[in-house]
Protein backbone atom coordinates (compact mmCIF):
# COMPACT_ATOMS: atom_id res chain seq x y z
CA UNK A 1 0.10 -0.16 -0.01
CA UNK A 2 1.16 3.04 -0.87
CA UNK A 3 2.40 5.45 2.07
CA UNK A 4 0.35 8.29 3.34
CA UNK A 5 2.58 11.22 5.19
CA UNK A 6 2.16 14.36 6.61
CA UNK A 7 -1.06 16.78 7.03
CA UNK A 8 -2.56 14.24 4.27
CA UNK A 9 -2.18 11.61 6.12
CA UNK A 10 -3.72 13.57 9.36
CA UNK A 11 -6.86 14.14 7.38
CA UNK A 12 -6.81 10.86 6.20
CA UNK A 13 -6.84 9.20 9.73
CA UNK A 14 -9.33 11.58 10.71
CA UNK A 15 -12.00 10.82 8.25
CA UNK A 16 -11.43 6.97 9.39
CA UNK A 17 -8.09 5.91 7.67
CA UNK A 18 -8.67 3.02 4.70
CA UNK A 19 -11.86 1.93 6.56
CA UNK A 20 -13.28 5.46 6.62
CA UNK A 21 -14.65 7.57 3.69
CA UNK A 22 -11.32 8.10 1.96
CA UNK A 23 -10.41 4.26 1.71
CA UNK A 24 -7.13 2.82 0.81
CA UNK A 25 -4.81 4.86 -0.96
CA UNK A 26 -3.95 4.74 -4.74
CA UNK A 27 -0.48 6.40 -5.25
CA UNK A 28 1.92 8.29 -2.94
CA UNK A 29 0.89 12.23 -2.90
CA UNK A 30 2.27 13.57 -5.35
CA UNK A 31 2.72 17.83 -6.24
CA UNK A 32 0.03 19.74 -7.48
CA UNK A 33 -0.12 21.87 -10.49
CA UNK A 34 1.56 25.08 -9.10
CA UNK A 35 4.20 23.17 -7.46
CA UNK A 36 2.85 24.37 -4.03
CA UNK A 37 0.42 22.14 -2.85
CA UNK A 38 0.36 18.53 -2.37
CA UNK A 39 -2.44 15.75 -3.23
CA UNK A 40 -3.14 12.35 -2.96
CA UNK A 41 -5.93 9.90 -4.50
CA UNK A 42 -7.86 7.59 -2.89
CA UNK A 43 -9.99 5.15 -3.42
CA UNK A 44 -12.63 7.10 -2.25
CA UNK A 45 -11.75 10.84 -2.89
CA UNK A 46 -8.86 13.00 -2.89
CA UNK A 47 -7.26 14.90 -0.38
CA UNK A 48 -5.36 18.24 -1.43
CA UNK A 49 -2.97 20.31 1.06
CA UNK A 50 -1.61 23.77 0.58
CA UNK A 51 0.72 25.03 3.24
CA UNK A 52 -1.73 28.18 3.50
CA UNK A 53 -4.80 26.32 3.96
CA UNK A 54 -4.23 22.86 5.35
CA UNK A 55 -5.75 19.60 4.31
CA UNK A 56 -9.22 18.93 3.16
CA UNK A 57 -10.98 16.15 1.31
CA UNK A 58 -13.20 15.91 -1.99
CA UNK A 59 -14.84 13.10 -2.81
CA UNK A 60 -18.14 11.44 -4.66
CA UNK A 61 -19.81 13.86 -7.49
CA UNK A 62 -18.33 16.93 -5.98
CA UNK A 63 -15.16 15.25 -6.76
CA UNK A 64 -15.63 14.16 -10.17
CA UNK A 65 -17.14 18.09 -11.24
CA UNK A 66 -14.05 19.29 -9.33
CA UNK A 67 -11.47 17.12 -11.24
CA UNK A 68 -13.68 18.32 -14.47
CA UNK A 69 -12.97 21.77 -13.97
CA UNK A 70 -9.54 22.09 -13.27
CA UNK A 71 -9.33 20.62 -9.69
CA UNK A 72 -6.37 22.95 -7.75
CA UNK A 73 -6.76 25.26 -10.53
CA UNK A 74 -10.57 26.20 -9.38
CA UNK A 75 -9.70 25.89 -6.36
CA UNK A 76 -8.23 24.25 -3.12
CA UNK A 77 -10.71 22.92 -0.84
CA UNK A 78 -11.35 25.06 2.15
CA UNK A 79 -13.50 22.13 3.66
CA UNK A 80 -14.14 18.81 4.08
CA UNK A 81 -17.77 17.94 2.09
CA UNK A 82 -20.00 19.10 4.45
CA UNK A 83 -24.00 18.80 4.35
CA UNK A 84 -25.70 22.18 3.61
CA UNK A 85 -27.71 23.44 6.29
CA UNK A 86 -31.35 22.11 5.07
CA UNK A 87 -29.91 18.84 5.11
CA UNK A 88 -30.74 18.44 1.17
CA UNK A 89 -27.23 19.17 -0.51
CA UNK A 90 -23.82 18.60 0.25
CA UNK A 91 -21.01 21.35 -0.46
CA UNK A 92 -17.33 21.92 -0.64
CA UNK A 93 -15.72 25.52 -0.87
CA UNK A 94 -12.41 26.40 -2.66
CA UNK A 95 -9.73 28.90 -2.94
CA UNK A 96 -7.84 29.99 -6.57
CA UNK A 97 -4.48 30.13 -4.87
CA UNK A 98 -2.74 31.23 -7.88
CA UNK A 99 -5.31 34.03 -9.05
CA UNK A 100 -5.30 37.74 -7.60
CA UNK A 101 -7.31 37.88 -4.78
CA UNK A 102 -7.34 34.34 -4.01
CA UNK A 103 -10.74 34.15 -5.08
CA UNK A 104 -13.38 31.39 -3.47
CA UNK A 105 -15.59 29.07 -5.14
CA UNK A 106 -18.08 26.53 -4.37
CA UNK A 107 -19.50 23.19 -6.07
CA UNK A 108 -23.09 22.28 -4.26
CA UNK A 109 -24.48 19.31 -4.79
CA UNK A 110 -28.10 17.48 -4.49
CA UNK A 111 -29.83 14.03 -6.01
CA UNK A 112 -31.90 16.39 -7.80
CA UNK A 113 -29.87 18.49 -9.20
CA UNK A 114 -26.17 17.03 -9.23
CA UNK A 115 -22.83 19.06 -8.82
CA UNK A 116 -22.62 22.38 -9.80
CA UNK A 117 -20.03 25.36 -9.40
CA UNK A 118 -20.89 28.81 -8.23
CA UNK A 119 -18.13 31.47 -8.22
CA UNK A 120 -17.37 35.32 -9.16
CA UNK A 121 -20.14 38.12 -8.51
CA UNK A 122 -22.89 35.68 -9.20
CA UNK A 123 -21.66 33.33 -6.15
CA UNK A 124 -21.00 36.72 -3.98
CA UNK A 125 -24.97 37.46 -4.95
CA UNK A 126 -25.93 34.63 -4.22
CA UNK A 127 -24.52 34.17 -1.12
CA UNK A 128 -25.79 37.56 -0.01
CA UNK A 129 -29.18 36.21 -0.05
CA UNK A 130 -28.85 33.18 1.81
CA UNK A 131 -27.05 30.35 -0.51
CA UNK A 132 -29.35 27.33 -1.35
CA UNK A 133 -31.73 29.08 1.34
CA UNK A 134 -32.13 31.98 -1.20
CA UNK A 135 -35.23 32.50 -3.60
CA UNK A 136 -33.56 30.39 -6.66
CA UNK A 137 -32.64 27.51 -4.45
CA UNK A 138 -29.94 25.00 -6.02
CA UNK A 139 -27.46 25.58 -9.21
CA UNK A 140 -28.50 23.49 -12.12
CA UNK A 141 -25.53 24.52 -14.00
CA UNK A 142 -22.74 26.49 -14.30
CA UNK A 143 -22.56 30.16 -15.66
CA UNK A 144 -22.05 30.95 -18.95
CA UNK A 145 -22.15 34.08 -21.53
CA UNK A 146 -25.51 35.62 -22.44
CA UNK A 147 -26.19 34.80 -25.97
CA UNK A 148 -26.06 38.45 -27.65
CA UNK A 149 -25.85 40.29 -24.27
CA UNK A 150 -22.98 41.69 -22.42
CA UNK A 151 -22.56 39.72 -19.05
CA UNK A 152 -22.77 36.32 -17.81
CA UNK A 153 -26.33 33.93 -16.42
CA UNK A 154 -26.42 30.43 -14.37
CA UNK A 155 -29.94 28.50 -13.75
CA UNK A 156 -30.96 28.07 -10.60
CA UNK A 157 -33.85 25.84 -9.59
CA UNK A 158 -36.44 28.48 -9.23
CA UNK A 159 -34.96 31.65 -11.50
CA UNK A 160 -31.57 33.10 -12.66
CA UNK A 161 -28.99 35.22 -11.51
CA UNK A 162 -27.71 37.28 -13.86
CA UNK A 163 -24.32 39.57 -13.46
CA UNK A 164 -22.95 41.98 -16.13
CA UNK A 165 -19.54 44.42 -15.96
CA UNK A 166 -21.84 47.73 -15.83
CA UNK A 167 -24.66 46.36 -12.95
CA UNK A 168 -23.41 43.36 -10.89
CA UNK A 169 -25.63 40.05 -10.17
CA UNK A 170 -29.44 40.50 -10.41
CA UNK A 171 -32.18 37.80 -9.86
CA UNK A 172 -33.59 37.04 -13.32
CA UNK A 173 -37.03 35.49 -14.18
CA UNK A 174 -38.69 31.91 -13.41
CA UNK A 175 -40.76 31.01 -16.47
CA UNK A 176 -43.16 28.03 -16.85
CA UNK A 177 -43.80 28.97 -20.49
CA UNK A 178 -46.78 31.39 -19.62
CA UNK A 179 -46.08 33.17 -16.40
CA UNK A 180 -42.79 34.77 -15.76
CA UNK A 181 -41.43 35.53 -11.79
CA UNK A 182 -39.43 37.98 -10.47
CA UNK A 183 -37.48 38.86 -7.56
CA UNK A 184 -35.52 41.89 -6.29
CA UNK A 185 -34.53 39.86 -2.94
CA UNK A 186 -33.48 42.14 -0.05
CA UNK A 187 -32.60 45.88 -0.45
CA UNK A 188 -31.18 48.13 1.61
CA UNK A 189 -30.51 51.67 1.98
CA UNK A 190 -27.54 53.14 0.20
CA UNK A 191 -27.63 56.05 3.34
CA UNK A 192 -27.44 53.46 5.84
CA UNK A 193 -30.82 53.37 7.34
CA UNK A 194 -32.07 50.50 9.28
CA UNK A 195 -34.49 50.17 6.44
CA UNK A 196 -35.02 46.96 3.74
CA UNK A 197 -37.43 46.08 1.57
CA UNK A 198 -38.25 43.55 -1.16
CA UNK A 199 -40.36 43.54 -4.52
CA UNK A 200 -41.75 40.30 -6.33
CA UNK A 201 -43.68 40.58 -9.64
CA UNK A 202 -45.66 37.99 -11.78
CA UNK A 203 -46.62 38.64 -14.95
CA UNK A 204 -48.97 36.80 -17.42
CA UNK A 205 -48.60 36.12 -21.25
CA UNK A 206 -52.06 37.82 -21.10
CA UNK A 207 -50.67 40.85 -19.46
CA UNK A 208 -51.72 40.68 -16.38
CA UNK A 209 -49.35 41.97 -13.39
CA UNK A 210 -48.91 40.92 -9.59
CA UNK A 211 -46.96 43.46 -8.15
CA UNK A 212 -45.73 42.55 -4.43
CA UNK A 213 -43.81 44.56 -2.22
CA UNK A 214 -42.50 45.03 1.15
CA UNK A 215 -40.40 47.21 3.49
CA UNK A 216 -39.19 47.04 7.07
CA UNK A 217 -37.90 49.68 9.46
CA UNK A 218 -35.33 48.04 12.08
CA UNK A 219 -34.59 50.99 13.87
CA UNK A 220 -35.65 53.53 16.49
CA UNK A 221 -37.31 56.37 13.92
CA UNK A 222 -39.96 56.04 11.76
CA UNK A 223 -38.81 56.49 8.08
CA UNK A 224 -40.77 57.66 4.90
CA UNK A 225 -39.27 55.68 2.27
CA UNK A 226 -39.66 54.74 -1.85
CA UNK A 227 -39.60 51.83 -3.34
CA UNK A 228 -38.73 51.36 -7.13
CA UNK A 229 -38.02 48.82 -9.70
CA UNK A 230 -37.59 48.56 -12.95
CA UNK A 231 -38.63 45.77 -15.06
CA UNK A 232 -36.06 46.22 -18.69
CA UNK A 233 -36.77 44.29 -21.55
CA UNK A 234 -33.47 43.46 -23.83
CA UNK A 235 -35.58 45.57 -26.63
CA UNK A 236 -34.75 48.50 -24.24
CA UNK A 237 -38.92 48.97 -23.15
CA UNK A 238 -38.64 49.42 -19.34
CA UNK A 239 -41.62 49.32 -17.31
CA UNK A 240 -41.72 50.83 -13.76
CA UNK A 241 -43.33 50.28 -10.29
CA UNK A 242 -42.57 53.04 -7.75
CA UNK A 243 -44.40 53.14 -4.18
CA UNK A 244 -44.07 55.81 -1.25
CA UNK A 245 -44.84 54.75 1.97
CA UNK A 246 -44.15 54.72 5.38
CA UNK A 247 -42.85 52.45 7.92
CA UNK A 248 -42.37 53.25 12.37
CA UNK A 249 -39.59 52.74 14.62
CA UNK A 250 -39.24 51.80 18.22
CA UNK A 251 -40.35 55.61 18.90
CA UNK A 252 -44.08 54.60 17.73
CA UNK A 253 -44.80 52.17 20.01
CA UNK A 254 -43.36 54.53 23.07
CA UNK A 255 -44.39 54.48 25.99
CA UNK A 256 -46.98 51.62 25.32
CA UNK A 257 -47.84 49.75 22.21
CA UNK A 258 -46.40 48.33 19.42
CA UNK A 259 -44.98 50.14 16.19
CA UNK A 260 -46.17 49.47 12.81
CA UNK A 261 -42.74 47.91 11.63
CA UNK A 262 -43.79 46.39 8.48
CA UNK A 263 -45.41 48.00 5.23
CA UNK A 264 -47.14 45.29 2.66
CA UNK A 265 -48.67 45.71 -0.31
CA UNK A 266 -50.35 43.92 -3.36
CA UNK A 267 -51.15 45.60 -6.38
CA UNK A 268 -52.70 43.66 -9.41
CA UNK A 269 -53.20 44.93 -12.91
CA UNK A 270 -53.20 44.69 -16.75
CA UNK A 271 -51.07 46.39 -19.24
CA UNK A 272 -51.32 45.21 -23.40
CA UNK A 273 -47.61 46.26 -23.61
CA UNK A 274 -46.81 43.40 -21.16
CA UNK A 275 -48.19 40.96 -23.18
CA UNK A 276 -46.68 42.25 -26.57
CA UNK A 277 -43.16 42.31 -25.17
CA UNK A 278 -43.96 38.90 -23.07
CA UNK A 279 -41.15 36.81 -24.82
CA UNK A 280 -38.74 39.08 -24.63
CA UNK A 281 -39.52 39.70 -21.01
CA UNK A 282 -38.42 36.25 -19.95
CA UNK A 283 -34.72 37.60 -20.48
CA UNK A 284 -35.33 40.73 -18.98
CA UNK A 285 -33.26 42.71 -16.23
CA UNK A 286 -35.50 43.43 -12.61
CA UNK A 287 -33.67 46.09 -10.70
CA UNK A 288 -34.99 47.64 -7.35
CA UNK A 289 -33.95 50.14 -5.07
CA UNK A 290 -34.84 51.37 -1.63
CA UNK A 291 -34.63 54.57 0.08
CA UNK A 292 -35.44 56.60 3.04
CA UNK A 293 -35.77 59.55 5.12
CA UNK A 294 -35.73 59.69 8.83
CA UNK A 295 -38.53 61.64 9.74
CA UNK A 296 -37.50 62.45 13.11
CA UNK A 297 -33.58 63.64 12.79
CA UNK A 298 -33.52 64.02 8.91
CA UNK A 299 -31.86 62.03 6.12
CA UNK A 300 -31.41 61.78 2.44
CA UNK A 301 -33.20 64.72 0.65
CA UNK A 302 -34.27 63.27 -2.40
CA UNK A 303 -35.22 59.86 -3.42
CA UNK A 304 -33.76 57.42 -6.22
CA UNK A 305 -34.56 58.23 -9.78
CA UNK A 306 -31.58 56.40 -11.48
CA UNK A 307 -32.72 52.60 -11.45
CA UNK A 308 -34.26 52.87 -15.37
CA UNK A 309 -30.65 54.10 -16.22
CA UNK A 310 -28.84 51.23 -14.07
CA UNK A 311 -31.03 48.91 -15.89
CA UNK A 312 -30.76 50.01 -19.20
CA UNK A 313 -26.40 49.83 -18.18
CA UNK A 314 -26.93 46.40 -17.38
CA UNK A 315 -28.36 45.46 -20.95
CA UNK A 316 -25.48 47.29 -22.35
CA UNK A 317 -27.84 50.14 -23.34
CA UNK A 318 -26.79 53.47 -23.65
CA UNK A 319 -30.75 54.64 -22.30
CA UNK A 320 -33.93 52.88 -22.29
CA UNK A 321 -36.22 52.45 -25.45
CA UNK A 322 -39.16 53.50 -23.75
CA UNK A 323 -40.37 53.68 -20.50
CA UNK A 324 -44.08 52.65 -19.27
CA UNK A 325 -44.76 53.47 -15.94
CA UNK A 326 -47.34 50.51 -14.48
CA UNK A 327 -47.66 51.84 -10.69
CA UNK A 328 -46.44 55.28 -9.45
């Protein structure tokens, strides 16, 4: 049996040695692609070591995907394969030590979706919205170029994440052929107020829409706010949804009572332009902003208004081809 030594041996022993997950060694440890790390193959997986990270194990379907996309060139493992908090999936995180900034990446697996990589701006956005517990769930494929448009896109169980160099990452549409569903995810203010919000949009092929929005005050003072979202088709047609509202902070409950911290609303409607643009809207960008003014001590002096320009930029356009205000 080939020798197992050093930190790799320690990891192998930790996982049960030849009676554990990794099984028996198939070869001696060998240098990795960069000559810095070491790796050893076992009947049940691989242990990869880097002096700045340590030794961790990769096995099963995640290992197969990792091997197919460059193994340590994709990244040295940062953890042994681990269960996701939901108990359904498994994951490994990785770090590409040869790249500037040593960026991290991941591979996630479930029995239904298989093992798929997530990295870069799409991974950062997905992580910020709760990883697999976000509204889009687990990845169904790796990210790839957007056909005919700038940026990258990745498909998840319940929607897309789209990334462009101009606007970063955002959620794309979930479609069943006759209904499109968009979600901004959680939005926070640029000026640091304890205000958050979100918006959800459902559009049918007939042009019916349902716009659902939410705002929450997590602080002491009351806040007046504006929630503005834009749905922009690749044609450049922009549909805007704007709502002004008010949420209460702790001060509203003094000396007794309960503040109304949440402001929620559902608004249905219909617009023929949505029906006319329906096919194009399947690849639309849905962006949102929330901004507020602290009614007690003051805050921002003017609300937002550049979401249309941001959406156009994300599609590689100088400006919107047209704007339809569906909710004002």
